[in-house]
Amino acid sequence: MTCTRRDLRDDQITGTTAAVVAIRYAAAMRVISLLPSATELVCAVGAAAQLVGISHECDFPVAIADRPVLTRSRIALGGSSRDIDLAVRAAMLDALSVYAVDAELLARLAPDVIVTQDLCEVCAVSLDDVRSAVARYAGERVAIVSLRPTRLDDVLDDVVRVATALDRRGAGDELRAALQRRIAEIAARAMARRRPRVATIEWLDPIMLGGTWMPELVALAGGDAVGVTAGAPAPTISPSELRTLAPDVVLIKPCGFNLARCLAERALIEDPLLACVGPATRVYATDGNAYFNRPGPRLVESLEILAACIDPVEFADFAAAHAGALLRLR
């Protein structure tokens, strides 16, 4: 199948130049993903064998762990939540990218398609850096698929967008339909339940609430998200503002932290978080790295985890299924 560059633009895929008239997609297509959720999408539509390079944060599915890594962080990630936040803010203030891309390795890998994002420069290598590396080293034939999901429908649209770029539109349509069915089934189970007030914690110091698609997930799981607006970035709040929100359920899911890394911040969780919510508030910690903060297929698993926190009786099956990624703290 041959896709023209016009076709690529129509699917919100851009190349480094309009000079290329066509790109032929075949089984030998070479794909680089610089975003963990995009890597999951590439594999979910059956193109894992075509994935020739990944980012340093791509860790799922485990079968792709042997792929060459093209990115690295310019800041130290082993410090506290506050240390990481300050380092990121300093880098942004100095107009520095948080991540670097290995442009020479990118050229050697000779990709046909690069999947990246332009939603958050704190989450992955910037689109400008990718474009610069492609322009300098990779030549005109490379197509860049840049994702920018802020709502749940955007995530589902990206399933089809990535699949189309890889000449797997049918697989993308099937995956999107399957994800939508699972979402609808969970929402139907949650519909008749009491709707508790839910706060999801995106970062611990400073405290940030889960924005973008998180309010939609909360609603689908049977809760009312407090302090946030669907599609908007994560707001930063003070402990006193969290207390004013009076959540019935708090889910702690720091971006980029697995459950063990989250629990390493136990002092921050105890004070101020647990100290500023009511004694009857149920508080959970989960894996924010694998779930919730990756806008890919596992957002449905994230919805299952969230439903188990909001109504652990109705969704006891989900609580059991995700026991390794979820811990009740209070």
C-alpha atoms as a PDB file:
ATOM      1  CA  MET A   1       0.000   0.000   0.000  1.00  0.00           C
ATOM      2  CA  THR A   2       1.256   3.504  -0.807  1.00  0.00           C
ATOM      3  CA  CYS A   3       0.308   6.493   1.370  1.00  0.00           C
ATOM      4  CA  THR A   4       0.896   9.929  -0.071  1.00  0.00           C
ATOM      5  CA  ARG A   5       2.252  12.732   2.042  1.00  0.00           C
ATOM      6  CA  ARG A   6      -1.179  14.380   1.701  1.00  0.00           C
ATOM      7  CA  ASP A   7      -2.716  11.257   3.278  1.00  0.00           C
ATOM      8  CA  LEU A   8      -0.273  11.557   6.152  1.00  0.00           C
ATOM      9  CA  ARG A   9      -1.215  15.184   6.794  1.00  0.00           C
ATOM     10  CA  ASP A  10      -4.868  14.277   6.774  1.00  0.00           C
ATOM     11  CA  ASP A  11      -4.140  11.859   9.633  1.00  0.00           C
ATOM     12  CA  GLN A  12      -2.206  14.570  11.509  1.00  0.00           C
ATOM     13  CA  ILE A  13       1.146  13.039  10.623  1.00  0.00           C
ATOM     14  CA  THR A  14       3.889  15.409   9.544  1.00  0.00           C
ATOM     15  CA  GLY A  15       7.174  14.859   7.755  1.00  0.00           C
ATOM     16  CA  THR A  16      10.285  16.992   7.651  1.00  0.00           C
ATOM     17  CA  THR A  17       9.446  18.274   4.178  1.00  0.00           C
ATOM     18  CA  ALA A  18       6.670  18.227   1.600  1.00  0.00           C
ATOM     19  CA  ALA A  19       9.162  17.240  -1.098  1.00  0.00           C
ATOM     20  CA  VAL A  20       8.559  13.528  -0.638  1.00  0.00           C
ATOM     21  CA  VAL A  21       5.603  12.460  -2.760  1.00  0.00           C
ATOM     22  CA  ALA A  22       5.010   9.045  -1.193  1.00  0.00           C
ATOM     23  CA  ILE A  23       6.180   6.519   1.393  1.00  0.00           C
ATOM     24  CA  ARG A  24       5.599   2.819   0.795  1.00  0.00           C
ATOM     25  CA  TYR A  25       4.510   0.963   3.897  1.00  0.00           C
ATOM     26  CA  ALA A  26       5.297  -2.739   4.038  1.00  0.00           C
ATOM     27  CA  ALA A  27       6.243  -5.413   6.534  1.00  0.00           C
ATOM     28  CA  ALA A  28       9.796  -4.055   6.540  1.00  0.00           C
ATOM     29  CA  MET A  29       8.709  -0.598   7.717  1.00  0.00           C
ATOM     30  CA  ARG A  30      11.053   0.616  10.471  1.00  0.00           C
ATOM     31  CA  VAL A  31       9.393   2.355  13.420  1.00  0.00           C
ATOM     32  CA  ILE A  32      10.815   4.340  16.323  1.00  0.00           C
ATOM     33  CA  SER A  33       8.657   5.226  19.327  1.00  0.00           C
ATOM     34  CA  LEU A  34       9.855   7.934  21.705  1.00  0.00           C
ATOM     35  CA  LEU A  35       6.876   7.672  24.039  1.00  0.00           C
ATOM     36  CA  PRO A  36       5.955   4.738  26.333  1.00  0.00           C
ATOM     37  CA  SER A  37       2.246   4.879  25.516  1.00  0.00           C
ATOM     38  CA  ALA A  38       3.023   4.999  21.799  1.00  0.00           C
ATOM     39  CA  THR A  39       5.263   1.957  22.141  1.00  0.00           C
ATOM     40  CA  GLU A  40       2.348   0.121  23.733  1.00  0.00           C
ATOM     41  CA  LEU A  41       0.099   1.231  20.873  1.00  0.00           C
ATOM     42  CA  VAL A  42       2.570   0.094  18.224  1.00  0.00           C
ATOM     43  CA  CYS A  43       2.730  -3.345  19.826  1.00  0.00           C
ATOM     44  CA  ALA A  44      -1.027  -3.538  20.461  1.00  0.00           C
ATOM     45  CA  VAL A  45      -1.782  -3.162  16.751  1.00  0.00           C
ATOM     46  CA  GLY A  46       0.661  -5.938  15.876  1.00  0.00           C
ATOM     47  CA  ALA A  47       3.720  -3.948  14.788  1.00  0.00           C
ATOM     48  CA  ALA A  48       6.176  -4.919  17.543  1.00  0.00           C
ATOM     49  CA  ALA A  49       8.481  -6.615  15.038  1.00  0.00           C
ATOM     50  CA  GLN A  50       8.823  -3.315  13.155  1.00  0.00           C
ATOM     51  CA  LEU A  51       9.878  -1.374  16.268  1.00  0.00           C
ATOM     52  CA  VAL A  52      13.604  -0.654  15.892  1.00  0.00           C
ATOM     53  CA  GLY A  53      14.087   1.979  18.620  1.00  0.00           C
ATOM     54  CA  ILE A  54      12.460   3.233  21.817  1.00  0.00           C
ATOM     55  CA  SER A  55      12.809   5.835  24.565  1.00  0.00           C
ATOM     56  CA  HIS A  56      14.547   5.212  27.889  1.00  0.00           C
ATOM     57  CA  GLU A  57      11.097   5.120  29.551  1.00  0.00           C
ATOM     58  CA  CYS A  58       9.575   2.468  27.272  1.00  0.00           C
ATOM     59  CA  ASP A  59       9.271  -0.673  29.394  1.00  0.00           C
ATOM     60  CA  PHE A  60       6.094  -2.410  28.208  1.00  0.00           C
ATOM     61  CA  PRO A  61       5.541  -4.914  26.794  1.00  0.00           C
ATOM     62  CA  VAL A  62       8.681  -6.567  28.154  1.00  0.00           C
ATOM     63  CA  ALA A  63       9.470  -8.103  24.749  1.00  0.00           C
ATOM     64  CA  ILE A  64      10.665  -4.694  23.485  1.00  0.00           C
ATOM     65  CA  ALA A  65      13.283  -4.252  26.218  1.00  0.00           C
ATOM     66  CA  ASP A  66      16.086  -5.257  23.844  1.00  0.00           C
ATOM     67  CA  ARG A  67      15.435  -2.401  21.390  1.00  0.00           C
ATOM     68  CA  PRO A  68      18.023   0.392  21.060  1.00  0.00           C
ATOM     69  CA  VAL A  69      17.314   3.354  23.359  1.00  0.00           C
ATOM     70  CA  LEU A  70      17.399   6.800  21.778  1.00  0.00           C
ATOM     71  CA  THR A  71      16.673   9.158  24.672  1.00  0.00           C
ATOM     72  CA  ARG A  72      18.020  10.023  28.105  1.00  0.00           C
ATOM     73  CA  SER A  73      17.085  12.392  30.913  1.00  0.00           C
ATOM     74  CA  ARG A  74      19.179  15.494  31.442  1.00  0.00           C
ATOM     75  CA  ILE A  75      18.159  15.729  35.097  1.00  0.00           C
ATOM     76  CA  ALA A  76      18.702  13.354  38.020  1.00  0.00           C
ATOM     77  CA  LEU A  77      15.585  11.298  38.694  1.00  0.00           C
ATOM     78  CA  GLY A  78      16.675   9.605  41.911  1.00  0.00           C
ATOM     79  CA  GLY A  79      15.876  12.455  44.295  1.00  0.00           C
ATOM     80  CA  SER A  80      12.703  13.338  46.143  1.00  0.00           C
ATOM     81  CA  SER A  81       9.542  14.633  44.490  1.00  0.00           C
ATOM     82  CA  ARG A  82      10.590  18.163  45.451  1.00  0.00           C
ATOM     83  CA  ASP A  83      14.111  17.678  44.035  1.00  0.00           C
ATOM     84  CA  ILE A  84      12.757  16.395  40.728  1.00  0.00           C
ATOM     85  CA  ASP A  85      10.225  19.231  40.495  1.00  0.00           C
ATOM     86  CA  LEU A  86      12.886  21.866  41.142  1.00  0.00           C
ATOM     87  CA  ALA A  87      15.253  20.324  38.581  1.00  0.00           C
ATOM     88  CA  VAL A  88      12.533  20.236  35.936  1.00  0.00           C
ATOM     89  CA  ARG A  89      11.511  23.823  36.642  1.00  0.00           C
ATOM     90  CA  ALA A  90      15.151  24.974  36.450  1.00  0.00           C
ATOM     91  CA  ALA A  91      15.633  23.238  33.106  1.00  0.00           C
ATOM     92  CA  MET A  92      12.484  24.802  31.686  1.00  0.00           C
ATOM     93  CA  LEU A  93      13.473  28.233  33.035  1.00  0.00           C
ATOM     94  CA  ASP A  94      16.804  27.927  31.232  1.00  0.00           C
ATOM     95  CA  ALA A  95      14.965  26.881  28.051  1.00  0.00           C
ATOM     96  CA  LEU A  96      16.586  23.446  28.196  1.00  0.00           C
ATOM     97  CA  SER A  97      14.904  20.243  27.154  1.00  0.00           C
ATOM     98  CA  VAL A  98      14.427  17.788  30.003  1.00  0.00           C
ATOM     99  CA  TYR A  99      15.355  14.921  27.656  1.00  0.00           C
ATOM    100  CA  ALA A 100      17.975  14.453  24.963  1.00  0.00           C
ATOM    101  CA  VAL A 101      17.617  12.413  21.789  1.00  0.00           C
ATOM    102  CA  ASP A 102      20.534  10.513  20.251  1.00  0.00           C
ATOM    103  CA  ALA A 103      20.316  11.893  16.730  1.00  0.00           C
ATOM    104  CA  GLU A 104      23.241   9.875  15.389  1.00  0.00           C
ATOM    105  CA  LEU A 105      21.716   6.591  16.587  1.00  0.00           C
ATOM    106  CA  LEU A 106      18.411   7.689  15.087  1.00  0.00           C
ATOM    107  CA  ALA A 107      20.141   8.116  11.732  1.00  0.00           C
ATOM    108  CA  ARG A 108      21.767   4.672  11.948  1.00  0.00           C
ATOM    109  CA  LEU A 109      18.412   3.052  12.709  1.00  0.00           C
ATOM    110  CA  ALA A 110      16.993   4.612   9.522  1.00  0.00           C
ATOM    111  CA  PRO A 111      13.324   4.812  10.566  1.00  0.00           C
ATOM    112  CA  ASP A 112      10.431   5.275   8.196  1.00  0.00           C
ATOM    113  CA  VAL A 113       8.111   6.480  10.981  1.00  0.00           C
ATOM    114  CA  ILE A 114       8.794   8.121  14.352  1.00  0.00           C
ATOM    115  CA  VAL A 115       5.997   8.296  16.921  1.00  0.00           C
ATOM    116  CA  THR A 116       6.382  11.022  19.558  1.00  0.00           C
ATOM    117  CA  GLN A 117       4.300  13.671  21.358  1.00  0.00           C
ATOM    118  CA  ASP A 118       3.913  17.416  21.762  1.00  0.00           C
ATOM    119  CA  LEU A 119       1.701  17.434  24.857  1.00  0.00           C
ATOM    120  CA  CYS A 120       4.219  17.670  27.689  1.00  0.00           C
ATOM    121  CA  GLU A 121       7.958  18.374  27.579  1.00  0.00           C
ATOM    122  CA  VAL A 122       8.271  16.992  31.109  1.00  0.00           C
ATOM    123  CA  CYS A 123       6.913  13.599  30.021  1.00  0.00           C
ATOM    124  CA  ALA A 124       8.996  12.876  26.912  1.00  0.00           C
ATOM    125  CA  VAL A 125      11.482  14.326  24.453  1.00  0.00           C
ATOM    126  CA  SER A 126      10.165  17.504  22.817  1.00  0.00           C
ATOM    127  CA  LEU A 127       8.756  17.505  19.299  1.00  0.00           C
ATOM    128  CA  ASP A 128      11.179  20.291  18.304  1.00  0.00           C
ATOM    129  CA  ASP A 129      14.147  18.134  19.335  1.00  0.00           C
ATOM    130  CA  VAL A 130      12.795  15.220  17.313  1.00  0.00           C
ATOM    131  CA  ARG A 131      12.254  17.409  14.261  1.00  0.00           C
ATOM    132  CA  SER A 132      15.760  18.835  14.615  1.00  0.00           C
ATOM    133  CA  ALA A 133      17.316  15.372  14.836  1.00  0.00           C
ATOM    134  CA  VAL A 134      15.347  14.165  11.825  1.00  0.00           C
ATOM    135  CA  ALA A 135      16.200  17.204   9.748  1.00  0.00           C
ATOM    136  CA  ARG A 136      19.889  16.925  10.532  1.00  0.00           C
ATOM    137  CA  TYR A 137      20.450  13.186  10.372  1.00  0.00           C
ATOM    138  CA  ALA A 138      17.536  11.142   9.102  1.00  0.00           C
ATOM    139  CA  GLY A 139      16.623  12.731   5.805  1.00  0.00           C
ATOM    140  CA  GLU A 140      13.371  13.755   4.201  1.00  0.00           C
ATOM    141  CA  ARG A 141      11.644  10.393   3.964  1.00  0.00           C
ATOM    142  CA  VAL A 142      10.844  10.085   7.681  1.00  0.00           C
ATOM    143  CA  ALA A 143       7.258  10.671   8.779  1.00  0.00           C
ATOM    144  CA  ILE A 144       6.710  11.998  12.313  1.00  0.00           C
ATOM    145  CA  VAL A 145       3.488  11.025  14.075  1.00  0.00           C
ATOM    146  CA  SER A 146       3.028  13.451  16.958  1.00  0.00           C
ATOM    147  CA  LEU A 147       0.367  12.688  19.563  1.00  0.00           C
ATOM    148  CA  ARG A 148      -1.300  15.284  21.781  1.00  0.00           C
ATOM    149  CA  PRO A 149      -4.109  13.623  23.750  1.00  0.00           C
ATOM    150  CA  THR A 150      -5.868  15.613  26.455  1.00  0.00           C
ATOM    151  CA  ARG A 151      -9.204  13.761  26.587  1.00  0.00           C
ATOM    152  CA  LEU A 152     -10.126  10.087  26.575  1.00  0.00           C
ATOM    153  CA  ASP A 153     -11.510  10.301  23.034  1.00  0.00           C
ATOM    154  CA  ASP A 154      -8.145  11.708  21.926  1.00  0.00           C
ATOM    155  CA  VAL A 155      -6.441   8.609  23.288  1.00  0.00           C
ATOM    156  CA  LEU A 156      -8.850   6.371  21.398  1.00  0.00           C
ATOM    157  CA  ASP A 157      -8.359   8.436  18.238  1.00  0.00           C
ATOM    158  CA  ASP A 158      -4.598   7.990  18.597  1.00  0.00           C
ATOM    159  CA  VAL A 159      -5.037   4.223  18.497  1.00  0.00           C
ATOM    160  CA  VAL A 160      -6.366   4.561  14.963  1.00  0.00           C
ATOM    161  CA  ARG A 161      -3.911   7.330  14.024  1.00  0.00           C
ATOM    162  CA  VAL A 162      -0.880   5.253  14.959  1.00  0.00           C
ATOM    163  CA  ALA A 163      -2.311   2.127  13.343  1.00  0.00           C
ATOM    164  CA  THR A 164      -2.992   4.033  10.126  1.00  0.00           C
ATOM    165  CA  ALA A 165       0.565   5.345  10.024  1.00  0.00           C
ATOM    166  CA  LEU A 166       1.796   1.755  10.269  1.00  0.00           C
ATOM    167  CA  ASP A 167      -0.579   0.517   7.557  1.00  0.00           C
ATOM    168  CA  ARG A 168      -2.627  -1.348  10.169  1.00  0.00           C
ATOM    169  CA  ARG A 169      -5.868   0.628  10.124  1.00  0.00           C
ATOM    170  CA  GLY A 170      -8.011  -2.500  10.513  1.00  0.00           C
ATOM    171  CA  ALA A 171      -6.145  -3.549  13.650  1.00  0.00           C
ATOM    172  CA  GLY A 172      -6.475  -0.017  15.008  1.00  0.00           C
ATOM    173  CA  ASP A 173     -10.223   0.036  14.434  1.00  0.00           C
ATOM    174  CA  GLU A 174     -10.583  -3.339  16.160  1.00  0.00           C
ATOM    175  CA  LEU A 175      -8.484  -2.269  19.137  1.00  0.00           C
ATOM    176  CA  ARG A 176     -10.387   0.982  19.550  1.00  0.00           C
ATOM    177  CA  ALA A 177     -13.720  -0.846  19.445  1.00  0.00           C
ATOM    178  CA  ALA A 178     -12.518  -3.388  22.020  1.00  0.00           C
ATOM    179  CA  LEU A 179     -11.315  -0.646  24.372  1.00  0.00           C
ATOM    180  CA  GLN A 180     -14.597   1.236  24.003  1.00  0.00           C
ATOM    181  CA  ARG A 181     -16.583  -1.899  24.839  1.00  0.00           C
ATOM    182  CA  ARG A 182     -14.588  -2.465  28.014  1.00  0.00           C
ATOM    183  CA  ILE A 183     -14.982   1.171  29.044  1.00  0.00           C
ATOM    184  CA  ALA A 184     -18.747   1.035  28.459  1.00  0.00           C
ATOM    185  CA  GLU A 185     -19.084  -2.152  30.500  1.00  0.00           C
ATOM    186  CA  ILE A 186     -17.296  -0.606  33.485  1.00  0.00           C
ATOM    187  CA  ALA A 187     -19.345   2.591  33.221  1.00  0.00           C
ATOM    188  CA  ALA A 188     -22.570   0.588  33.142  1.00  0.00           C
ATOM    189  CA  ARG A 189     -21.609  -1.266  36.321  1.00  0.00           C
ATOM    190  CA  ALA A 190     -20.740   2.010  38.059  1.00  0.00           C
ATOM    191  CA  MET A 191     -23.800   3.952  36.915  1.00  0.00           C
ATOM    192  CA  ALA A 192     -26.158   3.161  39.782  1.00  0.00           C
ATOM    193  CA  ARG A 193     -23.621   3.517  42.584  1.00  0.00           C
ATOM    194  CA  ARG A 194     -23.171   6.429  44.983  1.00  0.00           C
ATOM    195  CA  ARG A 195     -20.823   9.018  43.525  1.00  0.00           C
ATOM    196  CA  PRO A 196     -18.085   9.829  46.041  1.00  0.00           C
ATOM    197  CA  ARG A 197     -15.807  12.846  45.727  1.00  0.00           C
ATOM    198  CA  VAL A 198     -12.481  11.692  44.301  1.00  0.00           C
ATOM    199  CA  ALA A 199      -9.073  13.382  44.247  1.00  0.00           C
ATOM    200  CA  THR A 200      -6.309  11.817  42.169  1.00  0.00           C
ATOM    201  CA  ILE A 201      -2.787  12.951  43.033  1.00  0.00           C
ATOM    202  CA  GLU A 202      -0.487  13.449  40.037  1.00  0.00           C
ATOM    203  CA  TRP A 203       2.532  14.657  42.043  1.00  0.00           C
ATOM    204  CA  LEU A 204       3.370  14.787  45.729  1.00  0.00           C
ATOM    205  CA  ASP A 205       5.564  17.860  46.273  1.00  0.00           C
ATOM    206  CA  PRO A 206       4.081  20.178  45.223  1.00  0.00           C
ATOM    207  CA  ILE A 207       0.661  18.545  45.257  1.00  0.00           C
ATOM    208  CA  MET A 208      -0.816  18.270  41.764  1.00  0.00           C
ATOM    209  CA  LEU A 209      -4.198  16.832  40.885  1.00  0.00           C
ATOM    210  CA  GLY A 210      -4.777  14.565  37.903  1.00  0.00           C
ATOM    211  CA  GLY A 211      -6.046  16.599  34.952  1.00  0.00           C
ATOM    212  CA  THR A 212      -6.489  15.866  31.205  1.00  0.00           C
ATOM    213  CA  TRP A 213      -8.328  12.499  30.878  1.00  0.00           C
ATOM    214  CA  MET A 214      -8.403  11.737  34.615  1.00  0.00           C
ATOM    215  CA  PRO A 215     -11.717  13.508  35.425  1.00  0.00           C
ATOM    216  CA  GLU A 216     -13.372  11.450  32.681  1.00  0.00           C
ATOM    217  CA  LEU A 217     -11.962   8.218  34.099  1.00  0.00           C
ATOM    218  CA  VAL A 218     -13.222   9.171  37.566  1.00  0.00           C
ATOM    219  CA  ALA A 219     -16.718   9.807  36.181  1.00  0.00           C
ATOM    220  CA  LEU A 220     -16.753   6.541  34.256  1.00  0.00           C
ATOM    221  CA  ALA A 221     -15.668   4.673  37.393  1.00  0.00           C
ATOM    222  CA  GLY A 222     -18.552   6.136  39.388  1.00  0.00           C
ATOM    223  CA  GLY A 223     -17.027   9.160  41.125  1.00  0.00           C
ATOM    224  CA  ASP A 224     -16.960  12.939  40.925  1.00  0.00           C
ATOM    225  CA  ALA A 225     -13.486  14.381  40.317  1.00  0.00           C
ATOM    226  CA  VAL A 226     -12.816  17.385  42.561  1.00  0.00           C
ATOM    227  CA  GLY A 227     -10.628  20.376  41.824  1.00  0.00           C
ATOM    228  CA  VAL A 228     -10.047  19.543  38.152  1.00  0.00           C
ATOM    229  CA  THR A 229     -11.530  20.054  34.691  1.00  0.00           C
ATOM    230  CA  ALA A 230     -11.494  17.388  31.985  1.00  0.00           C
ATOM    231  CA  GLY A 231      -8.956  18.193  29.281  1.00  0.00           C
ATOM    232  CA  ALA A 232      -7.096  20.781  31.379  1.00  0.00           C
ATOM    233  CA  PRO A 233      -3.535  20.373  32.696  1.00  0.00           C
ATOM    234  CA  ALA A 234      -2.839  19.112  36.211  1.00  0.00           C
ATOM    235  CA  PRO A 235      -3.445  21.957  38.692  1.00  0.00           C
ATOM    236  CA  THR A 236      -1.083  22.588  41.613  1.00  0.00           C
ATOM    237  CA  ILE A 237      -2.811  23.015  44.974  1.00  0.00           C
ATOM    238  CA  SER A 238      -1.849  23.549  48.593  1.00  0.00           C
ATOM    239  CA  PRO A 239      -2.583  21.095  51.410  1.00  0.00           C
ATOM    240  CA  SER A 240      -5.264  23.446  52.721  1.00  0.00           C
ATOM    241  CA  GLU A 241      -6.944  23.497  49.302  1.00  0.00           C
ATOM    242  CA  LEU A 242      -6.949  19.701  49.276  1.00  0.00           C
ATOM    243  CA  ARG A 243      -8.610  19.760  52.684  1.00  0.00           C
ATOM    244  CA  THR A 244     -11.264  22.159  51.349  1.00  0.00           C
ATOM    245  CA  LEU A 245     -12.020  19.795  48.474  1.00  0.00           C
ATOM    246  CA  ALA A 246     -13.082  17.221  51.105  1.00  0.00           C
ATOM    247  CA  PRO A 247     -12.509  14.084  49.019  1.00  0.00           C
ATOM    248  CA  ASP A 248     -14.084  10.783  50.027  1.00  0.00           C
ATOM    249  CA  VAL A 249     -11.442   8.869  48.066  1.00  0.00           C
ATOM    250  CA  VAL A 250      -7.836   9.818  47.304  1.00  0.00           C
ATOM    251  CA  LEU A 251      -5.778   7.925  44.730  1.00  0.00           C
ATOM    252  CA  ILE A 252      -2.046   8.678  44.785  1.00  0.00           C
ATOM    253  CA  LYS A 253      -0.437   7.991  41.389  1.00  0.00           C
ATOM    254  CA  PRO A 254       2.644  10.172  40.856  1.00  0.00           C
ATOM    255  CA  CYS A 255       3.627  10.514  37.215  1.00  0.00           C
ATOM    256  CA  GLY A 256       6.554   8.241  36.403  1.00  0.00           C
ATOM    257  CA  PHE A 257       6.500   6.440  39.782  1.00  0.00           C
ATOM    258  CA  ASN A 258       5.691   2.764  40.146  1.00  0.00           C
ATOM    259  CA  LEU A 259       4.079   1.634  43.396  1.00  0.00           C
ATOM    260  CA  ALA A 260       7.366   0.989  45.188  1.00  0.00           C
ATOM    261  CA  ARG A 261       8.756   4.391  44.161  1.00  0.00           C
ATOM    262  CA  CYS A 262       5.528   6.019  45.278  1.00  0.00           C
ATOM    263  CA  LEU A 263       5.752   4.381  48.689  1.00  0.00           C
ATOM    264  CA  ALA A 264       9.346   5.591  49.028  1.00  0.00           C
ATOM    265  CA  GLU A 265       7.740   9.023  49.486  1.00  0.00           C
ATOM    266  CA  ARG A 266       5.790   7.733  52.485  1.00  0.00           C
ATOM    267  CA  ALA A 267       6.754  10.728  54.635  1.00  0.00           C
ATOM    268  CA  LEU A 268       5.088  13.087  52.148  1.00  0.00           C
ATOM    269  CA  ILE A 269       2.078  10.829  51.908  1.00  0.00           C
ATOM    270  CA  GLU A 270       1.646  10.847  55.684  1.00  0.00           C
ATOM    271  CA  ASP A 271       2.101  14.607  55.964  1.00  0.00           C
ATOM    272  CA  PRO A 272       0.692  16.636  54.331  1.00  0.00           C
ATOM    273  CA  LEU A 273      -1.601  14.337  52.330  1.00  0.00           C
ATOM    274  CA  LEU A 274      -3.071  12.050  54.974  1.00  0.00           C
ATOM    275  CA  ALA A 275      -2.908  14.832  57.534  1.00  0.00           C
ATOM    276  CA  CYS A 276      -5.185  17.131  55.544  1.00  0.00           C
ATOM    277  CA  VAL A 277      -8.008  14.767  54.550  1.00  0.00           C
ATOM    278  CA  GLY A 278     -10.773  13.514  56.807  1.00  0.00           C
ATOM    279  CA  PRO A 279     -10.342  10.356  58.903  1.00  0.00           C
ATOM    280  CA  ALA A 280     -13.077   8.630  56.897  1.00  0.00           C
ATOM    281  CA  THR A 281     -11.347   9.307  53.576  1.00  0.00           C
ATOM    282  CA  ARG A 282     -10.131   6.166  51.866  1.00  0.00           C
ATOM    283  CA  VAL A 283      -6.585   6.605  50.538  1.00  0.00           C
ATOM    284  CA  TYR A 284      -4.890   4.364  47.976  1.00  0.00           C
ATOM    285  CA  ALA A 285      -1.487   4.308  46.298  1.00  0.00           C
ATOM    286  CA  THR A 286      -0.949   2.827  42.858  1.00  0.00           C
ATOM    287  CA  ASP A 287       1.463   2.542  39.943  1.00  0.00           C
ATOM    288  CA  GLY A 288       1.284   5.860  38.142  1.00  0.00           C
ATOM    289  CA  ASN A 289       4.034   4.889  35.742  1.00  0.00           C
ATOM    290  CA  ALA A 290       2.370   1.864  34.160  1.00  0.00           C
ATOM    291  CA  TYR A 291      -1.178   3.184  34.494  1.00  0.00           C
ATOM    292  CA  PHE A 292      -3.105   6.479  34.460  1.00  0.00           C
ATOM    293  CA  ASN A 293      -0.294   8.668  33.125  1.00  0.00           C
ATOM    294  CA  ARG A 294       0.227   6.694  29.916  1.00  0.00           C
ATOM    295  CA  PRO A 295      -2.412   7.591  27.324  1.00  0.00           C
ATOM    296  CA  GLY A 296      -2.496   4.188  25.686  1.00  0.00           C
ATOM    297  CA  PRO A 297      -4.361   0.870  25.843  1.00  0.00           C
ATOM    298  CA  ARG A 298      -3.737   0.383  29.559  1.00  0.00           C
ATOM    299  CA  LEU A 299      -5.939   3.352  30.419  1.00  0.00           C
ATOM    300  CA  VAL A 300      -8.700   0.733  30.546  1.00  0.00           C
ATOM    301  CA  GLU A 301      -6.765  -1.146  33.238  1.00  0.00           C
ATOM    302  CA  SER A 302      -6.362   2.229  34.941  1.00  0.00           C
ATOM    303  CA  LEU A 303     -10.136   2.612  34.867  1.00  0.00           C
ATOM    304  CA  GLU A 304     -10.476  -0.810  36.493  1.00  0.00           C
ATOM    305  CA  ILE A 305      -8.075   0.193  39.291  1.00  0.00           C
ATOM    306  CA  LEU A 306      -9.944   3.444  39.819  1.00  0.00           C
ATOM    307  CA  ALA A 307     -13.296   1.650  39.959  1.00  0.00           C
ATOM    308  CA  ALA A 308     -11.900  -0.742  42.586  1.00  0.00           C
ATOM    309  CA  CYS A 309     -10.889   2.256  44.727  1.00  0.00           C
ATOM    310  CA  ILE A 310     -14.212   4.053  44.358  1.00  0.00           C
ATOM    311  CA  ASP A 311     -16.370   0.987  45.046  1.00  0.00           C
ATOM    312  CA  PRO A 312     -14.272  -1.932  46.361  1.00  0.00           C
ATOM    313  CA  VAL A 313     -17.390  -4.074  46.890  1.00  0.00           C
ATOM    314  CA  GLU A 314     -18.916  -3.788  43.419  1.00  0.00           C
ATOM    315  CA  PHE A 315     -15.490  -4.006  41.794  1.00  0.00           C
ATOM    316  CA  ALA A 316     -13.861  -6.611  44.014  1.00  0.00           C
ATOM    317  CA  ASP A 317     -12.873  -8.501  40.866  1.00  0.00           C
ATOM    318  CA  PHE A 318     -10.792  -5.563  39.679  1.00  0.00           C
ATOM    319  CA  ALA A 319      -9.246  -5.118  43.128  1.00  0.00           C
ATOM    320  CA  ALA A 320      -8.118  -8.743  43.030  1.00  0.00           C
ATOM    321  CA  ALA A 321      -6.886  -8.536  39.439  1.00  0.00           C
ATOM    322  CA  HIS A 322      -4.732  -5.477  40.194  1.00  0.00           C
ATOM    323  CA  ALA A 323      -3.670  -6.338  43.736  1.00  0.00           C
ATOM    324  CA  GLY A 324       0.002  -6.030  42.836  1.00  0.00           C
ATOM    325  CA  ALA A 325      -0.410  -2.465  41.614  1.00  0.00           C
ATOM    326  CA  LEU A 326      -2.737  -1.114  44.300  1.00  0.00           C
ATOM    327  CA  LEU A 327      -2.367  -0.606  48.049  1.00  0.00           C
ATOM    328  CA  ARG A 328      -4.882   0.844  50.464  1.00  0.00           C
ATOM    329  CA  LEU A 329      -3.129   3.166  52.916  1.00  0.00           C
ATOM    330  CA  ARG A 330      -6.176   4.081  54.971  1.00  0.00           C
END
